[in-house]
Amino acid sequence: MRYIIITAIIFIIAFAVKVDLTEGTLPIAAFENPKVIQKCEKEYTIKTIPVITELGDSPQSLFATYPSELNIPLPERLSKFYQLNPHLQKQSMVPGELIKIPIYVNEYNNCTKL
């Protein structure tokens, strides 16, 4: 019985020393200043160019004709294109139609503190 009690005491002391060495006597988190967490999102300044379509025009051909100053992925440009021209989601372009082409000019980070 004596050996079991001594073994239990040794394990308790070893555990206390391990916790003290890894986490510290008093946890550091109690003394640290709360960290400010920021959530940043990329946002763009967009200008639009009005264009009168011609026969055979497509959004991709218009993007090639009027390139953006920033390197923006095609799905993002198409999304903005259809936001500016919602009538083109269900119909094709008609020659002589006035549409707006999004041109991405400037990129900036919009950060908010949480």
N, C-alpha and C. Protein backbone atom coordinates (compact mmCIF):
# COMPACT_ATOMS: atom_id res chain seq x y z
N MET A 1 0.83 -1.20 0.00
CA MET A 1 0.00 0.00 0.00
C MET A 1 0.87 1.25 0.00
N ARG A 2 1.98 1.16 0.71
CA ARG A 2 2.90 2.29 0.79
C ARG A 2 3.43 2.64 -0.60
N TYR A 3 3.74 1.62 -1.41
CA TYR A 3 4.27 1.86 -2.75
C TYR A 3 3.24 2.54 -3.66
N ILE A 4 1.99 2.20 -3.52
CA ILE A 4 0.94 2.82 -4.33
C ILE A 4 0.79 4.29 -3.98
N ILE A 5 0.83 4.62 -2.70
CA ILE A 5 0.71 6.02 -2.27
C ILE A 5 1.91 6.83 -2.73
N ILE A 6 3.12 6.28 -2.59
CA ILE A 6 4.34 6.98 -3.03
C ILE A 6 4.31 7.17 -4.54
N THR A 7 3.87 6.17 -5.30
CA THR A 7 3.77 6.28 -6.76
C THR A 7 2.76 7.35 -7.15
N ALA A 8 1.63 7.41 -6.46
CA ALA A 8 0.61 8.43 -6.75
C ALA A 8 1.15 9.82 -6.46
N ILE A 9 1.88 9.98 -5.36
CA ILE A 9 2.46 11.29 -5.01
C ILE A 9 3.49 11.70 -6.06
N ILE A 10 4.32 10.75 -6.52
CA ILE A 10 5.32 11.07 -7.55
C ILE A 10 4.64 11.50 -8.85
N PHE A 11 3.56 10.81 -9.24
CA PHE A 11 2.83 11.20 -10.46
C PHE A 11 2.20 12.59 -10.30
N ILE A 12 1.66 12.89 -9.15
CA ILE A 12 1.06 14.21 -8.92
C ILE A 12 2.12 15.30 -8.99
N ILE A 13 3.29 15.06 -8.38
CA ILE A 13 4.38 16.05 -8.42
C ILE A 13 4.89 16.20 -9.85
N ALA A 14 5.06 15.09 -10.57
CA ALA A 14 5.54 15.16 -11.96
C ALA A 14 4.55 15.92 -12.83
N PHE A 15 3.26 15.69 -12.64
CA PHE A 15 2.25 16.42 -13.40
C PHE A 15 2.29 17.92 -13.08
N ALA A 16 2.44 18.27 -11.80
CA ALA A 16 2.50 19.68 -11.40
C ALA A 16 3.72 20.36 -12.00
N VAL A 17 4.87 19.67 -12.00
CA VAL A 17 6.09 20.24 -12.59
C VAL A 17 5.92 20.41 -14.09
N LYS A 18 5.32 19.43 -14.76
CA LYS A 18 5.10 19.53 -16.21
C LYS A 18 4.20 20.72 -16.55
N VAL A 19 3.11 20.88 -15.83
CA VAL A 19 2.20 22.00 -16.07
C VAL A 19 2.90 23.32 -15.79
N ASP A 20 3.69 23.36 -14.72
CA ASP A 20 4.40 24.59 -14.36
C ASP A 20 5.41 24.97 -15.44
N LEU A 21 6.09 23.98 -16.02
CA LEU A 21 7.10 24.28 -17.03
C LEU A 21 6.48 24.62 -18.39
N THR A 22 5.37 24.01 -18.73
CA THR A 22 4.78 24.27 -20.04
C THR A 22 3.89 25.51 -20.05
N GLU A 23 3.08 25.69 -19.03
CA GLU A 23 2.13 26.81 -19.02
C GLU A 23 2.56 27.94 -18.11
N GLY A 24 3.45 27.69 -17.21
CA GLY A 24 3.87 28.71 -16.27
C GLY A 24 3.07 28.60 -14.98
N THR A 25 3.63 29.17 -13.91
CA THR A 25 2.95 29.10 -12.62
C THR A 25 1.61 29.81 -12.69
N LEU A 26 1.62 31.01 -13.27
CA LEU A 26 0.39 31.74 -13.52
C LEU A 26 0.26 31.84 -15.03
N PRO A 27 -0.83 31.42 -15.59
CA PRO A 27 -0.96 31.46 -17.05
C PRO A 27 -0.72 32.87 -17.61
N ILE A 28 0.03 32.92 -18.69
CA ILE A 28 0.40 34.20 -19.30
C ILE A 28 -0.83 34.92 -19.84
N ALA A 29 -1.83 34.19 -20.23
CA ALA A 29 -3.03 34.81 -20.81
C ALA A 29 -3.70 35.76 -19.84
N ALA A 30 -3.53 35.55 -18.56
CA ALA A 30 -4.16 36.43 -17.58
C ALA A 30 -3.52 37.80 -17.57
N PHE A 31 -2.27 37.91 -18.03
CA PHE A 31 -1.55 39.18 -17.99
C PHE A 31 -1.46 39.87 -19.34
N GLU A 32 -1.76 39.18 -20.40
CA GLU A 32 -1.65 39.78 -21.73
C GLU A 32 -2.80 40.73 -21.99
N ASN A 33 -2.50 41.74 -22.80
CA ASN A 33 -3.56 42.64 -23.25
C ASN A 33 -4.41 41.89 -24.26
N PRO A 34 -5.69 42.16 -24.27
CA PRO A 34 -6.52 41.48 -25.27
C PRO A 34 -6.07 41.87 -26.67
N LYS A 35 -5.93 40.90 -27.52
CA LYS A 35 -5.47 41.15 -28.89
C LYS A 35 -6.64 41.67 -29.72
N VAL A 36 -6.33 42.64 -30.54
CA VAL A 36 -7.33 43.20 -31.44
C VAL A 36 -7.31 42.37 -32.71
N ILE A 37 -8.45 41.85 -33.06
CA ILE A 37 -8.57 41.04 -34.27
C ILE A 37 -9.18 41.90 -35.36
N GLN A 38 -8.50 41.94 -36.51
CA GLN A 38 -9.01 42.72 -37.63
C GLN A 38 -9.42 41.78 -38.75
N LYS A 39 -10.51 42.13 -39.37
CA LYS A 39 -10.98 41.39 -40.54
C LYS A 39 -10.81 42.33 -41.73
N CYS A 40 -9.96 41.93 -42.65
CA CYS A 40 -9.69 42.78 -43.82
C CYS A 40 -10.22 42.11 -45.08
N GLU A 41 -10.84 42.91 -45.91
CA GLU A 41 -11.35 42.44 -47.20
C GLU A 41 -10.83 43.37 -48.28
N LYS A 42 -10.50 42.78 -49.42
CA LYS A 42 -10.08 43.60 -50.55
C LYS A 42 -11.31 44.20 -51.21
N GLU A 43 -11.25 45.48 -51.45
CA GLU A 43 -12.33 46.15 -52.17
C GLU A 43 -11.70 46.94 -53.31
N TYR A 44 -12.52 47.21 -54.30
CA TYR A 44 -12.02 47.84 -55.51
C TYR A 44 -12.83 49.09 -55.83
N THR A 45 -12.13 50.06 -56.41
CA THR A 45 -12.81 51.22 -56.97
C THR A 45 -13.11 50.86 -58.43
N ILE A 46 -14.37 51.00 -58.79
CA ILE A 46 -14.80 50.58 -60.12
C ILE A 46 -15.39 51.77 -60.86
N LYS A 47 -14.93 51.95 -62.09
CA LYS A 47 -15.59 52.93 -62.96
C LYS A 47 -16.22 52.14 -64.10
N THR A 48 -17.23 52.71 -64.69
CA THR A 48 -17.92 52.02 -65.78
C THR A 48 -17.75 52.79 -67.08
N ILE A 49 -17.68 52.04 -68.16
CA ILE A 49 -17.57 52.63 -69.49
C ILE A 49 -18.82 52.22 -70.27
N PRO A 50 -19.60 53.20 -70.75
CA PRO A 50 -20.75 52.84 -71.59
C PRO A 50 -20.27 52.45 -72.99
N VAL A 51 -20.80 51.35 -73.49
CA VAL A 51 -20.39 50.83 -74.80
C VAL A 51 -21.64 50.46 -75.58
N ILE A 52 -21.63 50.78 -76.87
CA ILE A 52 -22.71 50.34 -77.77
C ILE A 52 -22.23 49.06 -78.44
N THR A 53 -22.99 48.00 -78.27
CA THR A 53 -22.56 46.69 -78.77
C THR A 53 -22.68 46.59 -80.28
N GLU A 54 -21.86 45.69 -80.82
CA GLU A 54 -21.89 45.39 -82.24
C GLU A 54 -22.18 43.90 -82.42
N LEU A 55 -22.41 43.49 -83.63
CA LEU A 55 -22.71 42.10 -83.92
C LEU A 55 -21.53 41.21 -83.52
N GLY A 56 -21.80 40.16 -82.76
CA GLY A 56 -20.75 39.22 -82.35
C GLY A 56 -20.07 39.55 -81.04
N ASP A 57 -20.48 40.61 -80.38
CA ASP A 57 -19.87 40.96 -79.09
C ASP A 57 -20.31 39.98 -78.00
N SER A 58 -19.39 39.72 -77.08
CA SER A 58 -19.68 38.92 -75.90
C SER A 58 -19.00 39.61 -74.71
N PRO A 59 -19.38 39.26 -73.50
CA PRO A 59 -18.70 39.89 -72.36
C PRO A 59 -17.18 39.68 -72.40
N GLN A 60 -16.74 38.49 -72.80
CA GLN A 60 -15.30 38.23 -72.84
C GLN A 60 -14.60 39.08 -73.90
N SER A 61 -15.23 39.27 -75.06
CA SER A 61 -14.60 40.09 -76.09
C SER A 61 -14.56 41.56 -75.67
N LEU A 62 -15.59 42.00 -74.95
CA LEU A 62 -15.57 43.38 -74.46
C LEU A 62 -14.53 43.56 -73.36
N PHE A 63 -14.33 42.53 -72.51
CA PHE A 63 -13.29 42.62 -71.48
C PHE A 63 -11.91 42.68 -72.13
N ALA A 64 -11.73 41.98 -73.25
CA ALA A 64 -10.45 42.02 -73.95
C ALA A 64 -10.24 43.37 -74.62
N THR A 65 -11.32 43.97 -75.12
CA THR A 65 -11.21 45.27 -75.77
C THR A 65 -10.98 46.38 -74.76
N TYR A 66 -11.62 46.28 -73.60
CA TYR A 66 -11.49 47.28 -72.54
C TYR A 66 -10.91 46.62 -71.30
N PRO A 67 -9.58 46.43 -71.26
CA PRO A 67 -8.98 45.73 -70.12
C PRO A 67 -9.02 46.58 -68.84
N SER A 68 -8.99 45.90 -67.73
CA SER A 68 -8.98 46.55 -66.43
C SER A 68 -7.54 46.86 -66.04
N GLU A 69 -7.34 47.89 -65.21
CA GLU A 69 -5.99 48.24 -64.76
C GLU A 69 -5.45 47.21 -63.78
N LEU A 70 -6.33 46.52 -63.07
CA LEU A 70 -5.93 45.50 -62.11
C LEU A 70 -6.20 44.12 -62.68
N ASN A 71 -5.47 43.14 -62.20
CA ASN A 71 -5.66 41.76 -62.66
C ASN A 71 -6.78 41.14 -61.82
N ILE A 72 -8.00 41.14 -62.35
CA ILE A 72 -9.18 40.64 -61.66
C ILE A 72 -9.60 39.33 -62.34
N PRO A 73 -9.94 38.31 -61.55
CA PRO A 73 -10.40 37.05 -62.16
C PRO A 73 -11.67 37.24 -62.99
N LEU A 74 -11.79 36.45 -64.04
CA LEU A 74 -12.93 36.55 -64.95
C LEU A 74 -14.27 36.35 -64.25
N PRO A 75 -14.43 35.38 -63.35
CA PRO A 75 -15.74 35.23 -62.70
C PRO A 75 -16.16 36.47 -61.90
N GLU A 76 -15.20 37.14 -61.29
CA GLU A 76 -15.54 38.35 -60.53
C GLU A 76 -15.95 39.48 -61.47
N ARG A 77 -15.24 39.61 -62.59
CA ARG A 77 -15.61 40.65 -63.57
C ARG A 77 -16.98 40.36 -64.19
N LEU A 78 -17.24 39.08 -64.49
CA LEU A 78 -18.55 38.72 -65.05
C LEU A 78 -19.67 39.00 -64.05
N SER A 79 -19.42 38.73 -62.79
CA SER A 79 -20.42 39.00 -61.76
C SER A 79 -20.77 40.48 -61.71
N LYS A 80 -19.75 41.33 -61.74
CA LYS A 80 -20.00 42.78 -61.72
C LYS A 80 -20.66 43.22 -63.02
N PHE A 81 -20.27 42.62 -64.14
CA PHE A 81 -20.86 42.95 -65.43
C PHE A 81 -22.37 42.69 -65.41
N TYR A 82 -22.77 41.53 -64.87
CA TYR A 82 -24.19 41.19 -64.82
C TYR A 82 -24.94 41.98 -63.75
N GLN A 83 -24.24 42.49 -62.73
CA GLN A 83 -24.89 43.40 -61.78
C GLN A 83 -25.21 44.73 -62.45
N LEU A 84 -24.30 45.18 -63.31
CA LEU A 84 -24.52 46.45 -64.01
C LEU A 84 -25.52 46.29 -65.16
N ASN A 85 -25.60 45.11 -65.74
CA ASN A 85 -26.49 44.84 -66.88
C ASN A 85 -27.35 43.62 -66.58
N PRO A 86 -28.31 43.73 -65.67
CA PRO A 86 -29.08 42.54 -65.29
C PRO A 86 -29.95 41.97 -66.41
N HIS A 87 -30.29 42.79 -67.40
CA HIS A 87 -31.13 42.31 -68.50
C HIS A 87 -30.39 41.31 -69.39
N LEU A 88 -29.05 41.27 -69.31
CA LEU A 88 -28.27 40.35 -70.15
C LEU A 88 -28.14 38.96 -69.55
N GLN A 89 -28.67 38.74 -68.35
CA GLN A 89 -28.58 37.42 -67.75
C GLN A 89 -29.46 36.41 -68.48
N LYS A 90 -30.57 36.87 -69.04
CA LYS A 90 -31.52 35.95 -69.68
C LYS A 90 -31.63 36.16 -71.19
N GLN A 91 -30.85 37.08 -71.73
CA GLN A 91 -30.89 37.29 -73.18
C GLN A 91 -29.49 37.61 -73.66
N SER A 92 -29.27 37.43 -74.95
CA SER A 92 -27.96 37.73 -75.51
C SER A 92 -27.89 39.21 -75.88
N MET A 93 -26.69 39.65 -76.19
CA MET A 93 -26.50 41.06 -76.56
C MET A 93 -27.08 41.32 -77.94
N VAL A 94 -27.73 42.45 -78.07
CA VAL A 94 -28.32 42.87 -79.34
C VAL A 94 -27.44 43.99 -79.89
N PRO A 95 -27.08 43.95 -81.19
CA PRO A 95 -26.28 45.04 -81.74
C PRO A 95 -26.98 46.39 -81.57
N GLY A 96 -26.21 47.39 -81.17
CA GLY A 96 -26.75 48.74 -80.96
C GLY A 96 -27.22 48.98 -79.54
N GLU A 97 -27.11 48.01 -78.67
CA GLU A 97 -27.56 48.14 -77.28
C GLU A 97 -26.48 48.84 -76.45
N LEU A 98 -26.89 49.70 -75.54
CA LEU A 98 -25.96 50.41 -74.66
C LEU A 98 -25.79 49.59 -73.37
N ILE A 99 -24.57 49.16 -73.12
CA ILE A 99 -24.27 48.41 -71.89
C ILE A 99 -23.12 49.07 -71.17
N LYS A 100 -22.90 48.67 -69.92
CA LYS A 100 -21.82 49.23 -69.10
C LYS A 100 -20.78 48.15 -68.84
N ILE A 101 -19.51 48.51 -69.03
CA ILE A 101 -18.39 47.61 -68.79
C ILE A 101 -17.69 48.05 -67.50
N PRO A 102 -17.51 47.15 -66.52
CA PRO A 102 -16.80 47.54 -65.29
C PRO A 102 -15.28 47.54 -65.51
N ILE A 103 -14.65 48.62 -65.09
CA ILE A 103 -13.20 48.74 -65.15
C ILE A 103 -12.71 48.94 -63.72
N TYR A 104 -11.89 48.01 -63.24
CA TYR A 104 -11.36 48.08 -61.88
C TYR A 104 -10.13 49.00 -61.89
N VAL A 105 -10.21 50.08 -61.10
CA VAL A 105 -9.18 51.10 -61.14
C VAL A 105 -8.22 50.99 -59.97
N ASN A 106 -8.74 50.83 -58.76
CA ASN A 106 -7.92 50.91 -57.56
C ASN A 106 -8.31 49.79 -56.60
N GLU A 107 -7.33 49.29 -55.87
CA GLU A 107 -7.59 48.24 -54.88
C GLU A 107 -7.18 48.76 -53.51
N TYR A 108 -8.03 48.52 -52.52
CA TYR A 108 -7.70 48.92 -51.15
C TYR A 108 -8.27 47.90 -50.18
N ASN A 109 -7.70 47.87 -48.99
CA ASN A 109 -8.16 46.94 -47.95
C ASN A 109 -9.13 47.65 -47.03
N ASN A 110 -10.26 47.04 -46.80
CA ASN A 110 -11.25 47.56 -45.86
C ASN A 110 -11.17 46.70 -44.61
N CYS A 111 -10.57 47.26 -43.54
CA CYS A 111 -10.35 46.50 -42.31
C CYS A 111 -11.32 46.97 -41.23
N THR A 112 -11.92 46.01 -40.54
CA THR A 112 -12.79 46.31 -39.41
C THR A 112 -12.30 45.54 -38.20
N LYS A 113 -12.40 46.16 -37.04
CA LYS A 113 -11.97 45.51 -35.80
C LYS A 113 -13.12 44.68 -35.25
N LEU A 114 -12.79 43.49 -34.82
CA LEU A 114 -13.80 42.60 -34.25
C LEU A 114 -13.72 42.60 -32.75
